[in-house]
Amino acid sequence: MLSWLARRESESVYHRLLKELSLEDHDTLKSWTRLDKDQYHRLLELVTPLIAKSDIKMRKAVTAGERLTLTLRYLATGESLVSLAYQFRISHNLISSIIPSVCRAIYQVLQPQYLHLPRNQSEWQHVASQYYARWNFPMCIGALDGKRILISKPPRSGSEYYDYKGHFSLIMMALVDADYKFMYVDVGASGRASDAGVWERCGLRDAIEEKKKIPPSTPIPFTRRQCPFVIVGEDAFPLKTYLMKPYPGKDLPNEKLVFNYLLHNYLRVNSGKKHAASHNTHGEHRHEEVEDVLQETFQRLLPIGRGHSNDAKVVRETFEEYFNNEGSVPWQAERMLMH
């Protein structure tokens, strides 16, 4: 072992700086790890059983605290593995295996609490009531959007991640509630996949189409207009009775322009949430490490053009009529023209 690596337990950034910040400067600790002191120690407590390793005769194992801290720094900054190796005095080869394992552990312990679909009709109705109260959109149970995340070409991947714009990418799809919280995320479909194909293979689509625990149709509040609960999405998704998308085209009547503007406004809930959480993205579908996700790398999915069922069109027309009558707001006509 190199002599400077052997001094890890006395000279590394974990054993010196982190301990100093924990005692002296909690604000800088939060800036450095993106977690406050209590959050950091709580997360460490949760993941330690999954990431801790035993010492061997040759050397002491990298502690769970070191593993978590270097992973948090990587997720927060996207620093190179070599840079982290110098700071934490751990070989970059070992770091390359530590980060994926810690990420999996973080997901395993936090996902059940923070990233799940509503479990029953009451929870779905709560999501809908929050959308109505915050965004004035009735019967809405989520905003859905997808993005292509540009990546460097993974080794030995051929054209699998090569998309229609000539880039290498992964596809991320997410559903959020009215408070900007993720309820569902699907990451890892290769960029070459068609947008329709990604949606068709999406577990969320199956759950919604099978109406798992979603409340039945009911009148829109304060009206007699009967409607199902719906999610709202961009042009990249098909129009369904449970999925509303904007009207296509440019020379549209004012009533349809109002509907499109309001729908676009609600979709900002979702678009504003999705960001690159890491500069190493691990495809959910291939479990293959992809390095160096580029800055500013989100691209919109390609709009899908297809025929829609009459039932889906009726649902969209019902919302259009509502937003131009009972559900209208004083400012929508002016904002619609500015949009």
C-alpha atoms as a PDB file:
ATOM      1  CA  MET A   1       0.000   0.000   0.000  1.00  0.00           C
ATOM      2  CA  LEU A   2       1.194   3.512  -0.797  1.00  0.00           C
ATOM      3  CA  SER A   3       2.383   5.367   2.285  1.00  0.00           C
ATOM      4  CA  TRP A   4      -0.043   8.283   1.854  1.00  0.00           C
ATOM      5  CA  LEU A   5      -2.977   5.867   1.653  1.00  0.00           C
ATOM      6  CA  ALA A   6      -1.806   4.191   4.854  1.00  0.00           C
ATOM      7  CA  ARG A   7      -2.317   7.475   6.734  1.00  0.00           C
ATOM      8  CA  ARG A   8      -6.048   7.478   5.928  1.00  0.00           C
ATOM      9  CA  GLU A   9      -7.204   7.182   9.535  1.00  0.00           C
ATOM     10  CA  SER A  10      -5.298  10.250  10.638  1.00  0.00           C
ATOM     11  CA  GLU A  11      -5.057  12.539   7.626  1.00  0.00           C
ATOM     12  CA  SER A  12      -8.063  11.982   5.343  1.00  0.00           C
ATOM     13  CA  VAL A  13     -10.724  14.618   4.849  1.00  0.00           C
ATOM     14  CA  TYR A  14     -13.193  12.344   6.639  1.00  0.00           C
ATOM     15  CA  HIS A  15     -11.107  11.930   9.793  1.00  0.00           C
ATOM     16  CA  ARG A  16     -10.074  15.580   9.970  1.00  0.00           C
ATOM     17  CA  LEU A  17     -12.406  18.026   8.195  1.00  0.00           C
ATOM     18  CA  LEU A  18     -15.672  16.190   8.771  1.00  0.00           C
ATOM     19  CA  LYS A  19     -15.060  15.850  12.485  1.00  0.00           C
ATOM     20  CA  GLU A  20     -14.101  19.528  12.752  1.00  0.00           C
ATOM     21  CA  LEU A  21     -17.247  20.620  10.909  1.00  0.00           C
ATOM     22  CA  SER A  22     -19.419  18.354  13.066  1.00  0.00           C
ATOM     23  CA  LEU A  23     -18.112  20.096  16.179  1.00  0.00           C
ATOM     24  CA  GLU A  24     -17.589  23.671  14.987  1.00  0.00           C
ATOM     25  CA  ASP A  25     -19.562  24.615  11.872  1.00  0.00           C
ATOM     26  CA  HIS A  26     -22.882  22.913  11.186  1.00  0.00           C
ATOM     27  CA  ASP A  27     -23.767  25.237   8.298  1.00  0.00           C
ATOM     28  CA  THR A  28     -20.622  24.322   6.390  1.00  0.00           C
ATOM     29  CA  LEU A  29     -21.192  20.655   7.220  1.00  0.00           C
ATOM     30  CA  LYS A  30     -24.593  20.876   5.536  1.00  0.00           C
ATOM     31  CA  SER A  31     -23.076  22.642   2.535  1.00  0.00           C
ATOM     32  CA  TRP A  32     -20.367  19.988   2.296  1.00  0.00           C
ATOM     33  CA  THR A  33     -22.559  16.888   2.636  1.00  0.00           C
ATOM     34  CA  ARG A  34     -25.948  18.416   1.621  1.00  0.00           C
ATOM     35  CA  LEU A  35     -27.339  17.065   4.923  1.00  0.00           C
ATOM     36  CA  ASP A  36     -27.516  18.672   8.339  1.00  0.00           C
ATOM     37  CA  LYS A  37     -25.865  16.921  11.270  1.00  0.00           C
ATOM     38  CA  ASP A  38     -28.991  15.079  12.414  1.00  0.00           C
ATOM     39  CA  GLN A  39     -29.895  13.985   8.870  1.00  0.00           C
ATOM     40  CA  TYR A  40     -26.365  12.766   8.247  1.00  0.00           C
ATOM     41  CA  HIS A  41     -26.216  10.655  11.406  1.00  0.00           C
ATOM     42  CA  ARG A  42     -29.720   9.306  10.848  1.00  0.00           C
ATOM     43  CA  LEU A  43     -28.864   8.224   7.311  1.00  0.00           C
ATOM     44  CA  LEU A  44     -25.593   6.711   8.506  1.00  0.00           C
ATOM     45  CA  GLU A  45     -27.485   4.730  11.130  1.00  0.00           C
ATOM     46  CA  LEU A  46     -29.875   3.394   8.485  1.00  0.00           C
ATOM     47  CA  VAL A  47     -27.304   2.349   5.884  1.00  0.00           C
ATOM     48  CA  THR A  48     -24.533   1.051   8.179  1.00  0.00           C
ATOM     49  CA  PRO A  49     -25.914  -2.528   8.367  1.00  0.00           C
ATOM     50  CA  LEU A  50     -25.926  -2.637   4.561  1.00  0.00           C
ATOM     51  CA  ILE A  51     -22.526  -1.092   3.808  1.00  0.00           C
ATOM     52  CA  ALA A  52     -20.281  -1.877   6.787  1.00  0.00           C
ATOM     53  CA  LYS A  53     -17.343  -4.221   6.109  1.00  0.00           C
ATOM     54  CA  SER A  54     -15.201  -6.258   8.487  1.00  0.00           C
ATOM     55  CA  ASP A  55     -11.508  -5.675   9.085  1.00  0.00           C
ATOM     56  CA  ILE A  56      -9.015  -8.196   7.770  1.00  0.00           C
ATOM     57  CA  LYS A  57      -5.508  -9.051   8.980  1.00  0.00           C
ATOM     58  CA  MET A  58      -3.881  -7.050   6.205  1.00  0.00           C
ATOM     59  CA  ARG A  59      -5.704  -3.782   6.845  1.00  0.00           C
ATOM     60  CA  LYS A  60      -8.698  -2.137   8.415  1.00  0.00           C
ATOM     61  CA  ALA A  61     -11.860  -1.856   6.354  1.00  0.00           C
ATOM     62  CA  VAL A  62     -13.126   1.459   5.064  1.00  0.00           C
ATOM     63  CA  THR A  63     -15.741   2.449   7.625  1.00  0.00           C
ATOM     64  CA  ALA A  64     -19.432   2.930   6.874  1.00  0.00           C
ATOM     65  CA  GLY A  65     -19.031   6.642   7.667  1.00  0.00           C
ATOM     66  CA  GLU A  66     -16.262   7.032   5.095  1.00  0.00           C
ATOM     67  CA  ARG A  67     -18.277   5.136   2.498  1.00  0.00           C
ATOM     68  CA  LEU A  68     -21.363   7.268   3.026  1.00  0.00           C
ATOM     69  CA  THR A  69     -19.471  10.570   3.162  1.00  0.00           C
ATOM     70  CA  LEU A  70     -17.490  10.076  -0.032  1.00  0.00           C
ATOM     71  CA  THR A  71     -20.689   8.987  -1.797  1.00  0.00           C
ATOM     72  CA  LEU A  72     -22.513  12.110  -0.614  1.00  0.00           C
ATOM     73  CA  ARG A  73     -19.634  14.267  -1.865  1.00  0.00           C
ATOM     74  CA  TYR A  74     -19.759  12.493  -5.201  1.00  0.00           C
ATOM     75  CA  LEU A  75     -23.517  12.957  -5.547  1.00  0.00           C
ATOM     76  CA  ALA A  76     -23.273  16.599  -4.483  1.00  0.00           C
ATOM     77  CA  THR A  77     -20.357  17.643  -6.686  1.00  0.00           C
ATOM     78  CA  GLY A  78     -19.716  15.026  -9.370  1.00  0.00           C
ATOM     79  CA  GLU A  79     -16.026  15.062  -8.483  1.00  0.00           C
ATOM     80  CA  SER A  80     -13.835  12.545 -10.251  1.00  0.00           C
ATOM     81  CA  LEU A  81     -12.967   9.322  -8.488  1.00  0.00           C
ATOM     82  CA  VAL A  82      -9.297  10.281  -8.575  1.00  0.00           C
ATOM     83  CA  SER A  83     -10.055  13.574  -6.813  1.00  0.00           C
ATOM     84  CA  LEU A  84     -12.044  11.744  -4.134  1.00  0.00           C
ATOM     85  CA  ALA A  85      -9.211   9.223  -3.781  1.00  0.00           C
ATOM     86  CA  TYR A  86      -6.798  12.011  -2.874  1.00  0.00           C
ATOM     87  CA  GLN A  87      -9.200  13.567  -0.378  1.00  0.00           C
ATOM     88  CA  PHE A  88     -10.324  10.383   1.372  1.00  0.00           C
ATOM     89  CA  ARG A  89      -7.037   8.487   0.884  1.00  0.00           C
ATOM     90  CA  ILE A  90      -8.868   5.525  -0.601  1.00  0.00           C
ATOM     91  CA  SER A  91      -7.906   4.032  -3.953  1.00  0.00           C
ATOM     92  CA  HIS A  92     -10.091   5.153  -6.839  1.00  0.00           C
ATOM     93  CA  ASN A  93     -10.643   1.505  -7.810  1.00  0.00           C
ATOM     94  CA  LEU A  94     -12.231   0.829  -4.431  1.00  0.00           C
ATOM     95  CA  ILE A  95     -14.235   4.048  -4.609  1.00  0.00           C
ATOM     96  CA  SER A  96     -15.693   2.917  -7.941  1.00  0.00           C
ATOM     97  CA  SER A  97     -17.294  -0.037  -6.160  1.00  0.00           C
ATOM     98  CA  ILE A  98     -18.203   1.840  -2.976  1.00  0.00           C
ATOM     99  CA  ILE A  99     -20.391   4.478  -4.624  1.00  0.00           C
ATOM    100  CA  PRO A 100     -22.819   2.089  -6.404  1.00  0.00           C
ATOM    101  CA  SER A 101     -23.205  -0.070  -3.291  1.00  0.00           C
ATOM    102  CA  VAL A 102     -23.913   2.937  -1.057  1.00  0.00           C
ATOM    103  CA  CYS A 103     -26.397   4.345  -3.576  1.00  0.00           C
ATOM    104  CA  ARG A 104     -28.258   1.052  -3.570  1.00  0.00           C
ATOM    105  CA  ALA A 105     -28.285   1.048   0.224  1.00  0.00           C
ATOM    106  CA  ILE A 106     -29.614   4.631   0.376  1.00  0.00           C
ATOM    107  CA  TYR A 107     -32.388   3.732  -2.035  1.00  0.00           C
ATOM    108  CA  GLN A 108     -33.228   0.585  -0.079  1.00  0.00           C
ATOM    109  CA  VAL A 109     -33.643   2.384   3.248  1.00  0.00           C
ATOM    110  CA  LEU A 110     -35.293   5.602   2.045  1.00  0.00           C
ATOM    111  CA  GLN A 111     -37.496   4.511  -0.862  1.00  0.00           C
ATOM    112  CA  PRO A 112     -40.280   2.920   1.215  1.00  0.00           C
ATOM    113  CA  GLN A 113     -40.733   6.136   3.196  1.00  0.00           C
ATOM    114  CA  TYR A 114     -40.105   8.865   0.644  1.00  0.00           C
ATOM    115  CA  LEU A 115     -40.750   7.449  -2.822  1.00  0.00           C
ATOM    116  CA  HIS A 116     -43.954   5.449  -3.203  1.00  0.00           C
ATOM    117  CA  LEU A 117     -47.310   5.676  -4.881  1.00  0.00           C
ATOM    118  CA  PRO A 118     -50.401   6.210  -2.716  1.00  0.00           C
ATOM    119  CA  ARG A 119     -51.367   2.922  -1.098  1.00  0.00           C
ATOM    120  CA  ASN A 120     -55.147   3.293  -1.047  1.00  0.00           C
ATOM    121  CA  GLN A 121     -58.025   5.394  -2.364  1.00  0.00           C
ATOM    122  CA  SER A 122     -57.832   7.763   0.588  1.00  0.00           C
ATOM    123  CA  GLU A 123     -54.189   8.625  -0.178  1.00  0.00           C
ATOM    124  CA  TRP A 124     -54.959   9.150  -3.884  1.00  0.00           C
ATOM    125  CA  GLN A 125     -57.847  11.441  -2.921  1.00  0.00           C
ATOM    126  CA  HIS A 126     -55.504  13.380  -0.649  1.00  0.00           C
ATOM    127  CA  VAL A 127     -53.151  13.968  -3.598  1.00  0.00           C
ATOM    128  CA  ALA A 128     -56.109  15.166  -5.677  1.00  0.00           C
ATOM    129  CA  SER A 129     -57.305  17.521  -2.930  1.00  0.00           C
ATOM    130  CA  GLN A 130     -53.804  19.016  -2.665  1.00  0.00           C
ATOM    131  CA  TYR A 131     -53.706  19.667  -6.414  1.00  0.00           C
ATOM    132  CA  TYR A 132     -57.110  21.306  -6.246  1.00  0.00           C
ATOM    133  CA  ALA A 133     -56.184  23.481  -3.278  1.00  0.00           C
ATOM    134  CA  ARG A 134     -52.748  24.517  -4.547  1.00  0.00           C
ATOM    135  CA  TRP A 135     -53.157  24.552  -8.330  1.00  0.00           C
ATOM    136  CA  ASN A 136     -56.928  24.804  -8.836  1.00  0.00           C
ATOM    137  CA  PHE A 137     -56.905  21.562 -10.848  1.00  0.00           C
ATOM    138  CA  PRO A 138     -59.626  19.101  -9.736  1.00  0.00           C
ATOM    139  CA  MET A 139     -59.410  15.324 -10.018  1.00  0.00           C
ATOM    140  CA  CYS A 140     -55.629  15.419 -10.635  1.00  0.00           C
ATOM    141  CA  ILE A 141     -53.532  12.712  -8.969  1.00  0.00           C
ATOM    142  CA  GLY A 142     -50.108  13.612 -10.353  1.00  0.00           C
ATOM    143  CA  ALA A 143     -47.980  15.399 -12.952  1.00  0.00           C
ATOM    144  CA  LEU A 144     -46.007  13.091 -15.251  1.00  0.00           C
ATOM    145  CA  ASP A 145     -42.990  14.023 -17.319  1.00  0.00           C
ATOM    146  CA  GLY A 146     -40.024  12.363 -18.943  1.00  0.00           C
ATOM    147  CA  LYS A 147     -36.568  13.595 -19.863  1.00  0.00           C
ATOM    148  CA  ARG A 148     -33.580  12.274 -21.718  1.00  0.00           C
ATOM    149  CA  ILE A 149     -30.378  12.556 -19.691  1.00  0.00           C
ATOM    150  CA  LEU A 150     -27.298  12.890 -21.884  1.00  0.00           C
ATOM    151  CA  ILE A 151     -24.429  10.573 -20.960  1.00  0.00           C
ATOM    152  CA  SER A 152     -21.059   9.518 -22.264  1.00  0.00           C
ATOM    153  CA  LYS A 153     -21.245   6.364 -24.318  1.00  0.00           C
ATOM    154  CA  PRO A 154     -21.010   3.381 -21.942  1.00  0.00           C
ATOM    155  CA  PRO A 155     -18.269   0.858 -22.804  1.00  0.00           C
ATOM    156  CA  ARG A 156     -19.294  -1.977 -25.102  1.00  0.00           C
ATOM    157  CA  SER A 157     -22.850  -0.647 -25.427  1.00  0.00           C
ATOM    158  CA  GLY A 158     -22.905  -0.275 -29.211  1.00  0.00           C
ATOM    159  CA  SER A 159     -25.851   1.871 -30.277  1.00  0.00           C
ATOM    160  CA  GLU A 160     -28.117   0.899 -27.381  1.00  0.00           C
ATOM    161  CA  TYR A 161     -28.067   4.373 -25.787  1.00  0.00           C
ATOM    162  CA  TYR A 162     -27.929   6.300 -29.084  1.00  0.00           C
ATOM    163  CA  ASP A 163     -31.073   8.442 -29.396  1.00  0.00           C
ATOM    164  CA  TYR A 164     -32.913  10.126 -32.257  1.00  0.00           C
ATOM    165  CA  LYS A 165     -31.045  13.418 -31.744  1.00  0.00           C
ATOM    166  CA  GLY A 166     -27.649  11.817 -32.192  1.00  0.00           C
ATOM    167  CA  HIS A 167     -26.714  11.732 -28.502  1.00  0.00           C
ATOM    168  CA  PHE A 168     -26.231   8.961 -25.985  1.00  0.00           C
ATOM    169  CA  SER A 169     -28.855   9.134 -23.274  1.00  0.00           C
ATOM    170  CA  LEU A 170     -30.967   7.495 -20.599  1.00  0.00           C
ATOM    171  CA  ILE A 171     -34.650   8.179 -20.077  1.00  0.00           C
ATOM    172  CA  MET A 172     -36.050   9.323 -16.750  1.00  0.00           C
ATOM    173  CA  MET A 173     -39.787   9.317 -16.076  1.00  0.00           C
ATOM    174  CA  ALA A 174     -41.317  10.744 -12.900  1.00  0.00           C
ATOM    175  CA  LEU A 175     -44.689  11.397 -11.292  1.00  0.00           C
ATOM    176  CA  VAL A 176     -44.925  14.103  -8.609  1.00  0.00           C
ATOM    177  CA  ASP A 177     -47.611  15.386  -6.279  1.00  0.00           C
ATOM    178  CA  ALA A 178     -48.775  18.974  -5.738  1.00  0.00           C
ATOM    179  CA  ASP A 179     -45.979  19.631  -3.236  1.00  0.00           C
ATOM    180  CA  TYR A 180     -43.213  18.767  -5.717  1.00  0.00           C
ATOM    181  CA  LYS A 181     -42.579  15.382  -4.081  1.00  0.00           C
ATOM    182  CA  PHE A 182     -41.728  12.368  -6.190  1.00  0.00           C
ATOM    183  CA  MET A 183     -44.269   9.558  -5.992  1.00  0.00           C
ATOM    184  CA  TYR A 184     -42.794   7.415  -8.763  1.00  0.00           C
ATOM    185  CA  VAL A 185     -39.506   7.437 -10.687  1.00  0.00           C
ATOM    186  CA  ASP A 186     -38.338   5.167 -13.493  1.00  0.00           C
ATOM    187  CA  VAL A 187     -34.730   5.693 -14.619  1.00  0.00           C
ATOM    188  CA  GLY A 188     -32.617   3.650 -16.978  1.00  0.00           C
ATOM    189  CA  ALA A 189     -34.450   2.976 -20.224  1.00  0.00           C
ATOM    190  CA  SER A 190     -31.869   3.356 -22.992  1.00  0.00           C
ATOM    191  CA  GLY A 191     -32.037   6.422 -25.198  1.00  0.00           C
ATOM    192  CA  ARG A 192     -32.722   4.429 -28.346  1.00  0.00           C
ATOM    193  CA  ALA A 193     -36.069   3.283 -26.924  1.00  0.00           C
ATOM    194  CA  SER A 194     -39.098   5.005 -28.372  1.00  0.00           C
ATOM    195  CA  ASP A 195     -41.105   7.169 -26.018  1.00  0.00           C
ATOM    196  CA  ALA A 196     -44.184   5.047 -26.604  1.00  0.00           C
ATOM    197  CA  GLY A 197     -42.160   1.943 -25.821  1.00  0.00           C
ATOM    198  CA  VAL A 198     -40.934   3.365 -22.508  1.00  0.00           C
ATOM    199  CA  TRP A 199     -44.478   4.201 -21.430  1.00  0.00           C
ATOM    200  CA  GLU A 200     -45.801   0.809 -22.528  1.00  0.00           C
ATOM    201  CA  ARG A 201     -43.228  -0.956 -20.343  1.00  0.00           C
ATOM    202  CA  CYS A 202     -43.687   1.418 -17.411  1.00  0.00           C
ATOM    203  CA  GLY A 203     -44.980  -0.155 -14.205  1.00  0.00           C
ATOM    204  CA  LEU A 204     -46.906   3.023 -13.452  1.00  0.00           C
ATOM    205  CA  ARG A 205     -48.988   2.566 -16.602  1.00  0.00           C
ATOM    206  CA  ASP A 206     -49.943  -0.944 -15.546  1.00  0.00           C
ATOM    207  CA  ALA A 207     -50.928   0.203 -12.056  1.00  0.00           C
ATOM    208  CA  ILE A 208     -53.108   3.032 -13.348  1.00  0.00           C
ATOM    209  CA  GLU A 209     -54.743   1.085 -16.168  1.00  0.00           C
ATOM    210  CA  GLU A 210     -55.639  -1.659 -13.720  1.00  0.00           C
ATOM    211  CA  LYS A 211     -57.041   1.086 -11.468  1.00  0.00           C
ATOM    212  CA  LYS A 212     -55.159  -0.256  -8.481  1.00  0.00           C
ATOM    213  CA  LYS A 213     -56.648   1.532  -5.472  1.00  0.00           C
ATOM    214  CA  ILE A 214     -57.486   4.635  -7.542  1.00  0.00           C
ATOM    215  CA  PRO A 215     -60.873   6.173  -6.647  1.00  0.00           C
ATOM    216  CA  PRO A 216     -63.690   5.715  -9.182  1.00  0.00           C
ATOM    217  CA  SER A 217     -65.060   8.514 -11.368  1.00  0.00           C
ATOM    218  CA  THR A 218     -66.916  11.252  -9.533  1.00  0.00           C
ATOM    219  CA  PRO A 219     -68.346  14.712 -10.343  1.00  0.00           C
ATOM    220  CA  ILE A 220     -65.856  17.565 -10.539  1.00  0.00           C
ATOM    221  CA  PRO A 221     -66.287  19.627  -7.322  1.00  0.00           C
ATOM    222  CA  PHE A 222     -69.219  22.065  -7.450  1.00  0.00           C
ATOM    223  CA  THR A 223     -70.348  20.761 -10.861  1.00  0.00           C
ATOM    224  CA  ARG A 224     -72.333  17.899 -12.351  1.00  0.00           C
ATOM    225  CA  ARG A 225     -69.523  17.032 -14.748  1.00  0.00           C
ATOM    226  CA  GLN A 226     -68.591  13.375 -14.184  1.00  0.00           C
ATOM    227  CA  CYS A 227     -64.869  12.684 -14.604  1.00  0.00           C
ATOM    228  CA  PRO A 228     -62.263  10.075 -13.722  1.00  0.00           C
ATOM    229  CA  PHE A 229     -59.207  10.961 -11.692  1.00  0.00           C
ATOM    230  CA  VAL A 230     -56.345  11.810 -14.052  1.00  0.00           C
ATOM    231  CA  ILE A 231     -52.641  12.519 -14.277  1.00  0.00           C
ATOM    232  CA  VAL A 232     -51.366  15.308 -16.528  1.00  0.00           C
ATOM    233  CA  GLY A 233     -48.554  14.853 -19.022  1.00  0.00           C
ATOM    234  CA  GLU A 234     -46.753  16.387 -21.989  1.00  0.00           C
ATOM    235  CA  ASP A 235     -47.161  15.540 -25.683  1.00  0.00           C
ATOM    236  CA  ALA A 236     -44.760  12.627 -25.284  1.00  0.00           C
ATOM    237  CA  PHE A 237     -47.509  10.561 -23.691  1.00  0.00           C
ATOM    238  CA  PRO A 238     -50.660   9.115 -25.250  1.00  0.00           C
ATOM    239  CA  LEU A 239     -54.031  10.639 -24.447  1.00  0.00           C
ATOM    240  CA  LYS A 240     -55.946   8.286 -22.149  1.00  0.00           C
ATOM    241  CA  THR A 241     -59.018   8.595 -19.981  1.00  0.00           C
ATOM    242  CA  TYR A 242     -56.597   8.720 -17.035  1.00  0.00           C
ATOM    243  CA  LEU A 243     -53.859  10.813 -18.734  1.00  0.00           C
ATOM    244  CA  MET A 244     -54.491  14.327 -20.015  1.00  0.00           C
ATOM    245  CA  LYS A 245     -52.163  15.986 -22.534  1.00  0.00           C
ATOM    246  CA  PRO A 246     -52.360  19.330 -24.401  1.00  0.00           C
ATOM    247  CA  TYR A 247     -54.292  19.768 -27.610  1.00  0.00           C
ATOM    248  CA  PRO A 248     -51.919  19.548 -30.582  1.00  0.00           C
ATOM    249  CA  GLY A 249     -51.518  22.304 -33.161  1.00  0.00           C
ATOM    250  CA  LYS A 250     -51.081  26.090 -33.164  1.00  0.00           C
ATOM    251  CA  ASP A 251     -54.218  27.737 -34.551  1.00  0.00           C
ATOM    252  CA  LEU A 252     -56.499  26.566 -31.775  1.00  0.00           C
ATOM    253  CA  PRO A 253     -59.695  28.143 -30.408  1.00  0.00           C
ATOM    254  CA  ASN A 254     -59.264  30.202 -27.246  1.00  0.00           C
ATOM    255  CA  GLU A 255     -60.975  27.540 -25.142  1.00  0.00           C
ATOM    256  CA  LYS A 256     -58.369  24.948 -26.132  1.00  0.00           C
ATOM    257  CA  LEU A 257     -55.539  27.466 -25.666  1.00  0.00           C
ATOM    258  CA  VAL A 258     -56.763  28.079 -22.115  1.00  0.00           C
ATOM    259  CA  PHE A 259     -56.741  24.345 -21.434  1.00  0.00           C
ATOM    260  CA  ASN A 260     -53.227  24.000 -22.903  1.00  0.00           C
ATOM    261  CA  TYR A 261     -51.904  26.940 -20.885  1.00  0.00           C
ATOM    262  CA  LEU A 262     -53.309  25.646 -17.618  1.00  0.00           C
ATOM    263  CA  LEU A 263     -52.048  22.142 -18.297  1.00  0.00           C
ATOM    264  CA  HIS A 264     -48.587  23.494 -19.107  1.00  0.00           C
ATOM    265  CA  ASN A 265     -48.675  25.510 -15.897  1.00  0.00           C
ATOM    266  CA  TYR A 266     -49.378  22.392 -13.839  1.00  0.00           C
ATOM    267  CA  LEU A 267     -46.643  20.463 -15.608  1.00  0.00           C
ATOM    268  CA  ARG A 268     -44.113  22.975 -14.334  1.00  0.00           C
ATOM    269  CA  VAL A 269     -44.577  21.185 -11.016  1.00  0.00           C
ATOM    270  CA  ASN A 270     -42.872  18.160 -12.508  1.00  0.00           C
ATOM    271  CA  SER A 271     -40.369  19.765 -14.858  1.00  0.00           C
ATOM    272  CA  GLY A 272     -38.974  21.855 -12.040  1.00  0.00           C
ATOM    273  CA  LYS A 273     -38.270  18.799  -9.933  1.00  0.00           C
ATOM    274  CA  LYS A 274     -36.186  16.615 -12.173  1.00  0.00           C
ATOM    275  CA  HIS A 275     -32.449  17.211 -12.023  1.00  0.00           C
ATOM    276  CA  ALA A 276     -29.257  15.162 -12.280  1.00  0.00           C
ATOM    277  CA  ALA A 277     -28.915  13.656  -8.821  1.00  0.00           C
ATOM    278  CA  SER A 278     -25.621  12.062  -9.694  1.00  0.00           C
ATOM    279  CA  HIS A 279     -22.848  12.192 -12.255  1.00  0.00           C
ATOM    280  CA  ASN A 280     -22.775   8.395 -12.295  1.00  0.00           C
ATOM    281  CA  THR A 281     -26.182   7.102 -13.364  1.00  0.00           C
ATOM    282  CA  HIS A 282     -26.980   3.431 -12.875  1.00  0.00           C
ATOM    283  CA  GLY A 283     -29.610   2.172 -15.296  1.00  0.00           C
ATOM    284  CA  GLU A 284     -32.496   0.480 -13.536  1.00  0.00           C
ATOM    285  CA  HIS A 285     -32.931  -1.737 -16.584  1.00  0.00           C
ATOM    286  CA  ARG A 286     -29.292  -2.747 -17.168  1.00  0.00           C
ATOM    287  CA  HIS A 287     -27.588  -2.104 -13.807  1.00  0.00           C
ATOM    288  CA  GLU A 288     -24.594  -0.833 -15.778  1.00  0.00           C
ATOM    289  CA  GLU A 289     -22.463   2.064 -14.611  1.00  0.00           C
ATOM    290  CA  VAL A 290     -22.550   5.116 -16.875  1.00  0.00           C
ATOM    291  CA  GLU A 291     -19.950   7.794 -16.204  1.00  0.00           C
ATOM    292  CA  ASP A 292     -19.770  11.547 -16.614  1.00  0.00           C
ATOM    293  CA  VAL A 293     -23.356  12.698 -17.035  1.00  0.00           C
ATOM    294  CA  LEU A 294     -23.038  16.072 -18.757  1.00  0.00           C
ATOM    295  CA  GLN A 295     -24.144  19.400 -17.295  1.00  0.00           C
ATOM    296  CA  GLU A 296     -27.482  20.772 -18.504  1.00  0.00           C
ATOM    297  CA  THR A 297     -28.377  17.432 -20.067  1.00  0.00           C
ATOM    298  CA  PHE A 298     -32.147  17.145 -20.014  1.00  0.00           C
ATOM    299  CA  GLN A 299     -33.970  16.916 -23.328  1.00  0.00           C
ATOM    300  CA  ARG A 300     -37.716  16.668 -23.789  1.00  0.00           C
ATOM    301  CA  LEU A 301     -39.088  13.417 -25.056  1.00  0.00           C
ATOM    302  CA  LEU A 302     -40.293  13.266 -28.628  1.00  0.00           C
ATOM    303  CA  PRO A 303     -44.055  13.979 -28.910  1.00  0.00           C
ATOM    304  CA  ILE A 304     -46.193  10.981 -29.792  1.00  0.00           C
ATOM    305  CA  GLY A 305     -48.716  11.336 -32.584  1.00  0.00           C
ATOM    306  CA  ARG A 306     -51.460   8.735 -32.652  1.00  0.00           C
ATOM    307  CA  GLY A 307     -55.182   8.288 -32.652  1.00  0.00           C
ATOM    308  CA  HIS A 308     -56.935   8.495 -29.320  1.00  0.00           C
ATOM    309  CA  SER A 309     -60.041   6.813 -28.012  1.00  0.00           C
ATOM    310  CA  ASN A 310     -63.303   8.750 -28.035  1.00  0.00           C
ATOM    311  CA  ASP A 311     -63.591   8.254 -24.267  1.00  0.00           C
ATOM    312  CA  ALA A 312     -60.236   9.957 -23.711  1.00  0.00           C
ATOM    313  CA  LYS A 313     -61.248  12.856 -25.951  1.00  0.00           C
ATOM    314  CA  VAL A 314     -64.504  13.260 -24.027  1.00  0.00           C
ATOM    315  CA  VAL A 315     -62.614  13.464 -20.731  1.00  0.00           C
ATOM    316  CA  ARG A 316     -60.279  16.141 -22.119  1.00  0.00           C
ATOM    317  CA  GLU A 317     -63.218  18.100 -23.513  1.00  0.00           C
ATOM    318  CA  THR A 318     -64.916  17.900 -20.117  1.00  0.00           C
ATOM    319  CA  PHE A 319     -61.890  19.490 -18.430  1.00  0.00           C
ATOM    320  CA  GLU A 320     -61.686  22.073 -21.221  1.00  0.00           C
ATOM    321  CA  GLU A 321     -65.321  23.058 -20.615  1.00  0.00           C
ATOM    322  CA  TYR A 322     -64.746  23.186 -16.863  1.00  0.00           C
ATOM    323  CA  PHE A 323     -61.709  25.469 -17.112  1.00  0.00           C
ATOM    324  CA  ASN A 324     -63.593  27.810 -19.420  1.00  0.00           C
ATOM    325  CA  ASN A 325     -66.686  27.951 -17.190  1.00  0.00           C
ATOM    326  CA  GLU A 326     -66.939  26.959 -13.517  1.00  0.00           C
ATOM    327  CA  GLY A 327     -63.197  26.545 -13.123  1.00  0.00           C
ATOM    328  CA  SER A 328     -62.099  29.723 -14.892  1.00  0.00           C
ATOM    329  CA  VAL A 329     -59.922  32.274 -13.108  1.00  0.00           C
ATOM    330  CA  PRO A 330     -59.777  36.038 -13.893  1.00  0.00           C
ATOM    331  CA  TRP A 331     -56.213  36.060 -15.164  1.00  0.00           C
ATOM    332  CA  GLN A 332     -56.262  33.011 -17.465  1.00  0.00           C
ATOM    333  CA  ALA A 333     -57.300  34.795 -20.693  1.00  0.00           C
ATOM    334  CA  GLU A 334     -54.467  37.315 -20.426  1.00  0.00           C
ATOM    335  CA  ARG A 335     -51.876  34.728 -19.430  1.00  0.00           C
ATOM    336  CA  MET A 336     -53.015  32.414 -22.189  1.00  0.00           C
ATOM    337  CA  LEU A 337     -52.287  35.081 -24.828  1.00  0.00           C
ATOM    338  CA  MET A 338     -48.830  35.683 -23.338  1.00  0.00           C
ATOM    339  CA  HIS A 339     -47.968  31.981 -23.269  1.00  0.00           C
END
